[in-house]
PDB file of N, CA and C in Angstrom:
ATOM      1  N   MET A   1       0.633  10.500   4.199  1.00  0.00           N
ATOM      2  CA  MET A   1       0.105   9.126   4.475  1.00  0.00           C
ATOM      3  C   MET A   1      -1.209   9.419   4.971  1.00  0.00           C
ATOM      4  N   VAL A   2      -1.216  10.180   6.382  1.00  0.00           N
ATOM      5  CA  VAL A   2      -2.461  10.881   7.580  1.00  0.00           C
ATOM      6  C   VAL A   2      -2.945  11.463   6.843  1.00  0.00           C
ATOM      7  N   ASP A   3      -2.263  12.701   6.610  1.00  0.00           N
ATOM      8  CA  ASP A   3      -2.473  13.639   5.728  1.00  0.00           C
ATOM      9  C   ASP A   3      -3.813  13.248   4.228  1.00  0.00           C
ATOM     10  N   GLU A   4      -2.981  12.458   3.659  1.00  0.00           N
ATOM     11  CA  GLU A   4      -3.769  12.075   2.546  1.00  0.00           C
ATOM     12  C   GLU A   4      -5.047  11.325   3.392  1.00  0.00           C
ATOM     13  N   VAL A   5      -5.195  11.289   3.989  1.00  0.00           N
ATOM     14  CA  VAL A   5      -6.026  10.142   4.495  1.00  0.00           C
ATOM     15  C   VAL A   5      -7.314  11.460   4.725  1.00  0.00           C
ATOM     16  N   ARG A   6      -6.929  12.029   5.512  1.00  0.00           N
ATOM     17  CA  ARG A   6      -7.722  13.634   6.202  1.00  0.00           C
ATOM     18  C   ARG A   6      -8.104  14.493   4.675  1.00  0.00           C
ATOM     19  N   ALA A   7      -7.527  14.586   4.055  1.00  0.00           N
ATOM     20  CA  ALA A   7      -7.776  15.096   2.237  1.00  0.00           C
ATOM     21  C   ALA A   7      -9.419  14.870   2.942  1.00  0.00           C
ATOM     22  N   PHE A   8      -9.049  13.066   2.101  1.00  0.00           N
ATOM     23  CA  PHE A   8      -9.779  12.497   1.568  1.00  0.00           C
ATOM     24  C   PHE A   8     -11.151  12.225   1.918  1.00  0.00           C
ATOM     25  N   VAL A   9     -11.250  12.153   3.673  1.00  0.00           N
ATOM     26  CA  VAL A   9     -12.501  12.191   4.321  1.00  0.00           C
ATOM     27  C   VAL A   9     -12.978  13.551   4.300  1.00  0.00           C
ATOM     28  N   SER A  10     -12.257  14.665   4.436  1.00  0.00           N
ATOM     29  CA  SER A  10     -12.563  16.383   3.983  1.00  0.00           C
ATOM     30  C   SER A  10     -13.036  15.993   2.981  1.00  0.00           C
ATOM     31  N   HIS A  11     -12.672  15.583   1.711  1.00  0.00           N
ATOM     32  CA  HIS A  11     -13.189  15.494   0.281  1.00  0.00           C
ATOM     33  C   HIS A  11     -14.553  15.012   0.101  1.00  0.00           C
ATOM     34  N   SER A  12     -15.035  13.798   0.705  1.00  0.00           N
ATOM     35  CA  SER A  12     -16.103  12.492   0.728  1.00  0.00           C
ATOM     36  C   SER A  12     -16.884  13.700   2.123  1.00  0.00           C
ATOM     37  N   ALA A  13     -16.577  14.242   2.218  1.00  0.00           N
ATOM     38  CA  ALA A  13     -17.997  15.027   3.556  1.00  0.00           C
ATOM     39  C   ALA A  13     -18.887  16.000   2.649  1.00  0.00           C
ATOM     40  N   ARG A  14     -18.099  16.580   2.106  1.00  0.00           N
ATOM     41  CA  ARG A  14     -18.700  17.408   0.715  1.00  0.00           C
ATOM     42  C   ARG A  14     -19.459  17.307   0.100  1.00  0.00           C
ATOM     43  N   ALA A  15     -20.950  18.349  -0.897  1.00  0.00           N
ATOM     44  CA  ALA A  15     -21.224  17.880  -1.513  1.00  0.00           C
ATOM     45  C   ALA A  15     -21.525  18.151  -2.799  1.00  0.00           C
ATOM     46  N   GLU A  16     -21.627  17.348  -3.786  1.00  0.00           N
ATOM     47  CA  GLU A  16     -21.551  17.827  -5.382  1.00  0.00           C
ATOM     48  C   GLU A  16     -19.978  18.754  -5.681  1.00  0.00           C
ATOM     49  N   PRO A  17     -19.268  17.510  -5.356  1.00  0.00           N
ATOM     50  CA  PRO A  17     -17.511  18.090  -5.939  1.00  0.00           C
ATOM     51  C   PRO A  17     -17.568  18.562  -6.841  1.00  0.00           C
ATOM     52  N   SER A  18     -16.588  19.660  -7.746  1.00  0.00           N
ATOM     53  CA  SER A  18     -16.253  19.966  -8.921  1.00  0.00           C
ATOM     54  C   SER A  18     -15.669  18.951  -9.662  1.00  0.00           C
ATOM     55  N   ALA A  19     -15.168  18.664 -11.144  1.00  0.00           N
ATOM     56  CA  ALA A  19     -14.283  17.799 -11.634  1.00  0.00           C
ATOM     57  C   ALA A  19     -13.413  17.777 -11.132  1.00  0.00           C
ATOM     58  N   LEU A  20     -12.737  19.263 -11.176  1.00  0.00           N
ATOM     59  CA  LEU A  20     -11.493  19.174 -10.411  1.00  0.00           C
ATOM     60  C   LEU A  20     -10.921  18.648  -8.907  1.00  0.00           C
ATOM     61  N   GLU A  21     -11.958  18.678  -8.073  1.00  0.00           N
ATOM     62  CA  GLU A  21     -11.439  17.920  -6.599  1.00  0.00           C
ATOM     63  C   GLU A  21     -12.215  16.444  -7.232  1.00  0.00           C
ATOM     64  N   ARG A  22     -12.949  15.686  -7.880  1.00  0.00           N
ATOM     65  CA  ARG A  22     -13.344  15.037  -7.821  1.00  0.00           C
ATOM     66  C   ARG A  22     -12.060  14.256  -8.707  1.00  0.00           C
ATOM     67  N   ILE A  23     -11.917  15.084  -9.294  1.00  0.00           N
ATOM     68  CA  ILE A  23      -9.939  14.235 -10.192  1.00  0.00           C
ATOM     69  C   ILE A  23      -8.893  14.167  -9.479  1.00  0.00           C
ATOM     70  N   ASP A  24      -8.899  15.281  -8.421  1.00  0.00           N
ATOM     71  CA  ASP A  24      -7.912  15.658  -7.163  1.00  0.00           C
ATOM     72  C   ASP A  24      -8.464  13.928  -6.355  1.00  0.00           C
ATOM     73  N   ARG A  25      -9.525  13.768  -5.999  1.00  0.00           N
ATOM     74  CA  ARG A  25     -10.234  12.863  -4.842  1.00  0.00           C
ATOM     75  C   ARG A  25      -9.979  11.391  -5.670  1.00  0.00           C
ATOM     76  N   ARG A  26      -9.533  11.102  -6.517  1.00  0.00           N
ATOM     77  CA  ARG A  26      -9.540  10.040  -7.102  1.00  0.00           C
ATOM     78  C   ARG A  26      -8.110   9.526  -6.741  1.00  0.00           C
ATOM     79  N   ALA A  27      -7.357  10.363  -7.619  1.00  0.00           N
ATOM     80  CA  ALA A  27      -5.842   9.908  -7.476  1.00  0.00           C
ATOM     81  C   ALA A  27      -4.946  10.479  -6.368  1.00  0.00           C
ATOM     82  N   SER A  28      -6.050  11.361  -5.290  1.00  0.00           N
ATOM     83  CA  SER A  28      -5.697  10.556  -3.583  1.00  0.00           C
ATOM     84  C   SER A  28      -6.141   9.657  -3.069  1.00  0.00           C
ATOM     85  N   LEU A  29      -7.075   8.733  -3.549  1.00  0.00           N
ATOM     86  CA  LEU A  29      -7.852   7.648  -3.284  1.00  0.00           C
ATOM     87  C   LEU A  29      -6.505   6.993  -4.075  1.00  0.00           C
ATOM     88  N   GLU A  30      -6.708   6.145  -5.537  1.00  0.00           N
ATOM     89  CA  GLU A  30      -5.578   5.662  -5.694  1.00  0.00           C
ATOM     90  C   GLU A  30      -3.950   6.022  -4.794  1.00  0.00           C
ATOM     91  N   GLU A  31      -3.990   6.477  -4.372  1.00  0.00           N
ATOM     92  CA  GLU A  31      -2.090   6.615  -3.977  1.00  0.00           C
ATOM     93  C   GLU A  31      -2.769   6.246  -2.480  1.00  0.00           C
ATOM     94  N   VAL A  32      -3.140   6.382  -1.858  1.00  0.00           N
ATOM     95  CA  VAL A  32      -3.527   5.446  -0.565  1.00  0.00           C
ATOM     96  C   VAL A  32      -3.598   4.523  -0.957  1.00  0.00           C
ATOM     97  N   ALA A  33      -4.509   3.918  -1.548  1.00  0.00           N
ATOM     98  CA  ALA A  33      -5.285   2.542  -1.914  1.00  0.00           C
ATOM     99  C   ALA A  33      -3.150   1.751  -2.688  1.00  0.00           C
ATOM    100  N   GLN A  34      -3.208   1.771  -3.687  1.00  0.00           N
ATOM    101  CA  GLN A  34      -2.095   2.049  -3.781  1.00  0.00           C
ATOM    102  C   GLN A  34      -0.751   1.466  -2.487  1.00  0.00           C
ATOM    103  N   GLN A  35      -0.855   2.156  -1.550  1.00  0.00           N
ATOM    104  CA  GLN A  35      -0.010   2.370  -0.170  1.00  0.00           C
ATOM    105  C   GLN A  35      -0.600   1.269   0.371  1.00  0.00           C
ATOM    106  N   PHE A  36      -1.590   0.981   0.355  1.00  0.00           N
ATOM    107  CA  PHE A  36      -2.397  -0.031   1.548  1.00  0.00           C
ATOM    108  C   PHE A  36      -1.345  -1.599   1.136  1.00  0.00           C
ATOM    109  N   GLU A  37      -1.727  -1.915  -0.666  1.00  0.00           N
ATOM    110  CA  GLU A  37      -1.318  -2.433  -1.206  1.00  0.00           C
ATOM    111  C   GLU A  37      -0.147  -2.798  -0.293  1.00  0.00           C
ATOM    112  N   ALA A  38       0.604  -1.851  -0.758  1.00  0.00           N
ATOM    113  CA  ALA A  38       2.289  -2.607  -0.506  1.00  0.00           C
ATOM    114  C   ALA A  38       2.083  -2.844   0.986  1.00  0.00           C
ATOM    115  N   ILE A  39       1.306  -1.841   1.704  1.00  0.00           N
ATOM    116  CA  ILE A  39       1.295  -2.762   3.282  1.00  0.00           C
ATOM    117  C   ILE A  39       1.021  -4.314   3.078  1.00  0.00           C
ATOM    118  N   PHE A  40      -0.047  -4.333   2.188  1.00  0.00           N
ATOM    119  CA  PHE A  40      -0.703  -5.794   2.382  1.00  0.00           C
ATOM    120  C   PHE A  40       0.823  -7.071   2.423  1.00  0.00           C
ATOM    121  N   VAL A  41       1.558  -6.540   0.927  1.00  0.00           N
ATOM    122  CA  VAL A  41       2.104  -8.017   0.214  1.00  0.00           C
ATOM    123  C   VAL A  41       3.415  -7.231   0.982  1.00  0.00           C
ATOM    124  N   ASN A  42       3.936  -6.307   2.560  1.00  0.00           N
ATOM    125  CA  ASN A  42       5.440  -6.063   2.842  1.00  0.00           C
ATOM    126  C   ASN A  42       4.418  -7.300   4.117  1.00  0.00           C
ATOM    127  N   GLU A  43       3.670  -7.353   4.330  1.00  0.00           N
ATOM    128  CA  GLU A  43       3.221  -8.182   5.744  1.00  0.00           C
ATOM    129  C   GLU A  43       2.895  -9.782   5.106  1.00  0.00           C
ATOM    130  N   LEU A  44       2.721 -10.017   4.107  1.00  0.00           N
ATOM    131  CA  LEU A  44       2.903 -11.107   3.042  1.00  0.00           C
ATOM    132  C   LEU A  44       4.058 -11.868   3.510  1.00  0.00           C
ATOM    133  N   MET A  45       4.870 -10.497   2.904  1.00  0.00           N
ATOM    134  CA  MET A  45       6.647 -11.171   2.925  1.00  0.00           C
ATOM    135  C   MET A  45       6.767 -10.561   3.919  1.00  0.00           C
ATOM    136  N   LYS A  46       6.661 -10.420   5.061  1.00  0.00           N
ATOM    137  CA  LYS A  46       7.091 -10.825   6.796  1.00  0.00           C
ATOM    138  C   LYS A  46       7.364 -12.463   7.288  1.00  0.00           C
ATOM    139  N   THR A  47       5.799 -12.348   6.563  1.00  0.00           N
ATOM    140  CA  THR A  47       5.119 -13.824   6.962  1.00  0.00           C
ATOM    141  C   THR A  47       5.416 -15.266   6.198  1.00  0.00           C
ATOM    142  N   SER A  48       5.725 -14.925   5.652  1.00  0.00           N
ATOM    143  CA  SER A  48       6.899 -16.176   4.643  1.00  0.00           C
ATOM    144  C   SER A  48       8.080 -16.394   4.990  1.00  0.00           C
ATOM    145  N   ARG A  49       8.532 -15.144   4.965  1.00  0.00           N
ATOM    146  CA  ARG A  49       9.969 -14.925   5.985  1.00  0.00           C
ATOM    147  C   ARG A  49      10.059 -15.856   7.108  1.00  0.00           C
ATOM    148  N   ALA A  50       9.143 -15.805   8.113  1.00  0.00           N
ATOM    149  CA  ALA A  50       8.885 -16.013   9.208  1.00  0.00           C
ATOM    150  C   ALA A  50       8.315 -17.417   9.209  1.00  0.00           C
ATOM    151  N   ALA A  51       8.243 -18.242   7.965  1.00  0.00           N
ATOM    152  CA  ALA A  51       7.453 -19.661   8.166  1.00  0.00           C
ATOM    153  C   ALA A  51       8.582 -20.188   7.409  1.00  0.00           C
ATOM    154  N   LYS A  52      10.245 -19.940   7.156  1.00  0.00           N
ATOM    155  CA  LYS A  52      11.086 -20.188   6.340  1.00  0.00           C
ATOM    156  C   LYS A  52      11.508 -21.482   6.750  1.00  0.00           C
ATOM    157  N   LEU A  53      11.643 -22.808   5.602  1.00  0.00           N
ATOM    158  CA  LEU A  53      12.241 -23.659   6.019  1.00  0.00           C
ATOM    159  C   LEU A  53      13.415 -24.368   6.384  1.00  0.00           C
ATOM    160  N   SER A  54      14.818 -23.806   6.668  1.00  0.00           N
ATOM    161  CA  SER A  54      15.497 -23.774   6.672  1.00  0.00           C
ATOM    162  C   SER A  54      16.357 -22.889   6.817  1.00  0.00           C
ATOM    163  N   GLU A  55      17.540 -23.118   7.682  1.00  0.00           N
ATOM    164  CA  GLU A  55      18.005 -21.361   7.757  1.00  0.00           C
ATOM    165  C   GLU A  55      19.181 -21.403   6.805  1.00  0.00           C
ATOM    166  N   ASP A  56      19.285 -20.315   6.509  1.00  0.00           N
ATOM    167  CA  ASP A  56      20.281 -19.282   4.987  1.00  0.00           C
ATOM    168  C   ASP A  56      21.887 -19.452   5.855  1.00  0.00           C
ATOM    169  N   ILE A  57      22.732 -20.075   5.173  1.00  0.00           N
ATOM    170  CA  ILE A  57      24.323 -19.766   5.822  1.00  0.00           C
ATOM    171  C   ILE A  57      24.590 -18.534   5.807  1.00  0.00           C
ATOM    172  N   LEU A  58      24.226 -17.339   5.477  1.00  0.00           N
ATOM    173  CA  LEU A  58      25.045 -16.129   6.144  1.00  0.00           C
ATOM    174  C   LEU A  58      24.120 -15.522   6.493  1.00  0.00           C
ATOM    175  N   SER A  59      22.367 -16.157   7.360  1.00  0.00           N
ATOM    176  CA  SER A  59      21.924 -15.597   8.072  1.00  0.00           C
ATOM    177  C   SER A  59      21.831 -15.073   9.816  1.00  0.00           C
ATOM    178  N   ASN A  60      21.817 -14.052  10.404  1.00  0.00           N
ATOM    179  CA  ASN A  60      22.180 -13.374  11.470  1.00  0.00           C
ATOM    180  C   ASN A  60      21.440 -12.951  12.082  1.00  0.00           C
ATOM    181  N   SER A  61      21.426 -12.715  13.395  1.00  0.00           N
ATOM    182  CA  SER A  61      20.577 -11.151  13.253  1.00  0.00           C
ATOM    183  C   SER A  61      21.403  -9.957  12.905  1.00  0.00           C
ATOM    184  N   GLY A  62      22.923  -9.361  12.706  1.00  0.00           N
ATOM    185  CA  GLY A  62      22.739  -8.156  11.495  1.00  0.00           C
ATOM    186  C   GLY A  62      22.460  -8.096  10.627  1.00  0.00           C
ATOM    187  N   THR A  63      21.506  -9.134   9.986  1.00  0.00           N
ATOM    188  CA  THR A  63      20.519  -9.243   8.484  1.00  0.00           C
ATOM    189  C   THR A  63      19.434  -8.795   8.991  1.00  0.00           C
ATOM    190  N   GLN A  64      19.100  -9.056   9.300  1.00  0.00           N
ATOM    191  CA  GLN A  64      17.412  -8.710  10.226  1.00  0.00           C
ATOM    192  C   GLN A  64      17.137  -7.102   9.348  1.00  0.00           C
ATOM    193  N   PRO A  65      17.905  -6.297   9.666  1.00  0.00           N
ATOM    194  CA  PRO A  65      16.890  -5.419   9.711  1.00  0.00           C
ATOM    195  C   PRO A  65      17.187  -4.694   8.429  1.00  0.00           C
ATOM    196  N   PHE A  66      18.260  -5.662   7.433  1.00  0.00           N
ATOM    197  CA  PHE A  66      18.708  -4.710   5.912  1.00  0.00           C
ATOM    198  C   PHE A  66      17.399  -6.522   4.660  1.00  0.00           C
ATOM    199  N   LEU A  67      16.753  -7.312   5.397  1.00  0.00           N
ATOM    200  CA  LEU A  67      16.320  -7.903   5.023  1.00  0.00           C
ATOM    201  C   LEU A  67      14.771  -6.921   5.297  1.00  0.00           C
ATOM    202  N   GLU A  68      14.946  -6.546   6.236  1.00  0.00           N
ATOM    203  CA  GLU A  68      13.313  -6.210   6.373  1.00  0.00           C
ATOM    204  C   GLU A  68      12.802  -4.653   5.954  1.00  0.00           C
ATOM    205  N   MET A  69      14.531  -3.929   5.281  1.00  0.00           N
ATOM    206  CA  MET A  69      14.480  -2.848   4.436  1.00  0.00           C
ATOM    207  C   MET A  69      14.129  -3.441   3.007  1.00  0.00           C
ATOM    208  N   MET A  70      14.702  -3.921   2.909  1.00  0.00           N
ATOM    209  CA  MET A  70      14.763  -4.979   1.579  1.00  0.00           C
ATOM    210  C   MET A  70      12.885  -4.936   0.740  1.00  0.00           C
ATOM    211  N   ASP A  71      12.601  -6.229   2.012  1.00  0.00           N
ATOM    212  CA  ASP A  71      10.971  -6.517   2.448  1.00  0.00           C
ATOM    213  C   ASP A  71      10.123  -5.129   1.749  1.00  0.00           C
ATOM    214  N   GLN A  72      10.450  -4.331   2.602  1.00  0.00           N
ATOM    215  CA  GLN A  72      10.229  -2.523   2.331  1.00  0.00           C
ATOM    216  C   GLN A  72       9.959  -2.231   0.746  1.00  0.00           C
ATOM    217  N   GLU A  73      10.866  -2.247   0.204  1.00  0.00           N
ATOM    218  CA  GLU A  73      11.252  -1.781  -1.234  1.00  0.00           C
ATOM    219  C   GLU A  73      10.976  -2.511  -2.459  1.00  0.00           C
ATOM    220  N   PHE A  74      10.976  -4.236  -1.919  1.00  0.00           N
ATOM    221  CA  PHE A  74      10.536  -5.018  -2.929  1.00  0.00           C
ATOM    222  C   PHE A  74       8.148  -4.213  -3.037  1.00  0.00           C
ATOM    223  N   SER A  75       8.222  -4.644  -2.046  1.00  0.00           N
ATOM    224  CA  SER A  75       6.616  -4.674  -1.704  1.00  0.00           C
ATOM    225  C   SER A  75       6.058  -3.725  -2.198  1.00  0.00           C
ATOM    226  N   GLN A  76       6.662  -2.191  -1.779  1.00  0.00           N
ATOM    227  CA  GLN A  76       6.853  -0.891  -2.956  1.00  0.00           C
ATOM    228  C   GLN A  76       6.585  -1.156  -4.706  1.00  0.00           C
ATOM    229  N   THR A  77       7.576  -1.809  -4.953  1.00  0.00           N
ATOM    230  CA  THR A  77       7.717  -2.122  -6.423  1.00  0.00           C
ATOM    231  C   THR A  77       6.561  -2.776  -6.937  1.00  0.00           C
ATOM    232  N   ILE A  78       6.736  -4.471  -6.302  1.00  0.00           N
ATOM    233  CA  ILE A  78       5.847  -5.113  -6.625  1.00  0.00           C
ATOM    234  C   ILE A  78       3.776  -3.990  -7.095  1.00  0.00           C
ATOM    235  N   SER A  79       3.978  -3.631  -5.291  1.00  0.00           N
ATOM    236  CA  SER A  79       2.259  -3.097  -5.694  1.00  0.00           C
ATOM    237  C   SER A  79       2.404  -2.051  -6.437  1.00  0.00           C
ATOM    238  N   LYS A  80       3.083  -1.222  -7.734  1.00  0.00           N
ATOM    239  CA  LYS A  80       3.321  -0.570  -8.357  1.00  0.00           C
ATOM    240  C   LYS A  80       3.678  -0.792  -9.560  1.00  0.00           C
ATOM    241  N   ARG A  81       4.100  -2.191  -9.933  1.00  0.00           N
ATOM    242  CA  ARG A  81       4.538  -2.580 -11.269  1.00  0.00           C
ATOM    243  C   ARG A  81       3.044  -3.562 -11.365  1.00  0.00           C
ATOM    244  N   ASN A  82       3.649  -4.322 -11.147  1.00  0.00           N
ATOM    245  CA  ASN A  82       2.355  -5.611 -10.671  1.00  0.00           C
ATOM    246  C   ASN A  82       1.040  -5.455  -9.354  1.00  0.00           C
ATOM    247  N   SER A  83       0.528  -5.467  -9.861  1.00  0.00           N
ATOM    248  CA  SER A  83      -0.789  -4.554  -8.895  1.00  0.00           C
ATOM    249  C   SER A  83      -1.444  -5.500  -8.483  1.00  0.00           C
ATOM    250  N   LEU A  84      -2.106  -6.496  -7.212  1.00  0.00           N
ATOM    251  CA  LEU A  84      -2.837  -7.357  -6.681  1.00  0.00           C
ATOM    252  C   LEU A  84      -4.172  -6.913  -7.289  1.00  0.00           C
ATOM    253  N   GLY A  85      -4.188  -6.316  -7.741  1.00  0.00           N
ATOM    254  CA  GLY A  85      -6.027  -5.708  -7.460  1.00  0.00           C
ATOM    255  C   GLY A  85      -6.479  -6.073  -5.910  1.00  0.00           C
ATOM    256  N   ILE A  86      -5.979  -5.693  -5.070  1.00  0.00           N
ATOM    257  CA  ILE A  86      -6.153  -4.489  -3.838  1.00  0.00           C
ATOM    258  C   ILE A  86      -6.114  -3.298  -3.965  1.00  0.00           C
ATOM    259  N   ALA A  87      -5.784  -2.405  -5.027  1.00  0.00           N
ATOM    260  CA  ALA A  87      -5.739  -0.788  -5.257  1.00  0.00           C
ATOM    261  C   ALA A  87      -7.098  -0.336  -5.723  1.00  0.00           C
ATOM    262  N   GLU A  88      -7.108  -1.246  -7.103  1.00  0.00           N
ATOM    263  CA  GLU A  88      -8.348  -1.358  -7.752  1.00  0.00           C
ATOM    264  C   GLU A  88      -9.584  -1.173  -6.903  1.00  0.00           C
ATOM    265  N   ALA A  89      -9.692  -2.707  -6.235  1.00  0.00           N
ATOM    266  CA  ALA A  89     -10.885  -3.108  -5.538  1.00  0.00           C
ATOM    267  C   ALA A  89     -11.393  -1.823  -4.206  1.00  0.00           C
ATOM    268  N   LEU A  90     -10.532  -1.340  -3.800  1.00  0.00           N
ATOM    269  CA  LEU A  90     -10.079   0.074  -3.061  1.00  0.00           C
ATOM    270  C   LEU A  90     -11.229   0.638  -3.334  1.00  0.00           C
ATOM    271  N   VAL A  91     -10.541   1.091  -3.903  1.00  0.00           N
ATOM    272  CA  VAL A  91     -10.586   2.658  -5.376  1.00  0.00           C
ATOM    273  C   VAL A  91     -12.204   2.172  -5.653  1.00  0.00           C
ATOM    274  N   GLN A  92     -13.004   1.403  -6.698  1.00  0.00           N
ATOM    275  CA  GLN A  92     -13.926   0.804  -6.673  1.00  0.00           C
ATOM    276  C   GLN A  92     -14.552   1.191  -6.144  1.00  0.00           C
ATOM    277  N   GLN A  93     -14.624   0.389  -4.824  1.00  0.00           N
ATOM    278  CA  GLN A  93     -15.470   0.299  -3.853  1.00  0.00           C
ATOM    279  C   GLN A  93     -15.716   1.824  -3.298  1.00  0.00           C
ATOM    280  N   PHE A  94     -14.663   2.895  -3.046  1.00  0.00           N
ATOM    281  CA  PHE A  94     -14.556   4.038  -2.431  1.00  0.00           C
ATOM    282  C   PHE A  94     -15.244   5.082  -2.972  1.00  0.00           C
ATOM    283  N   GLU A  95     -15.624   4.735  -4.360  1.00  0.00           N
ATOM    284  CA  GLU A  95     -15.509   5.814  -5.254  1.00  0.00           C
ATOM    285  C   GLU A  95     -17.098   5.437  -5.669  1.00  0.00           C
ATOM    286  N   ARG A  96     -18.229   4.697  -5.371  1.00  0.00           N
ATOM    287  CA  ARG A  96     -19.158   4.401  -4.993  1.00  0.00           C
ATOM    288  C   ARG A  96     -19.974   4.922  -3.904  1.00  0.00           C
ATOM    289  N   LYS A  97     -19.258   5.467  -2.660  1.00  0.00           N
ATOM    290  CA  LYS A  97     -19.976   6.452  -2.106  1.00  0.00           C
ATOM    291  C   LYS A  97     -20.190   8.288  -1.981  1.00  0.00           C
TER     292      LYS A  97
END
């Protein structure tokens, strides 16, 4: 992800990119924005789990890492299939520059 951000910044620094560079830049920007949205959704899920109202019968310290991995996968899936609009807003904002 760091390499994608560096590539995006280096593309942004040049004047008058070609059509192919603009398409590549937009694809990179969309990918990074989608990843950011997934991170945001993951943080929402972590906060939701931390604010649980009752203890689960099967909950123990051994299940915590697996719940975190499951939340990460759910976050990726949610951000790809059901966008919250965060990624689109980021793409629109950075395309103006």
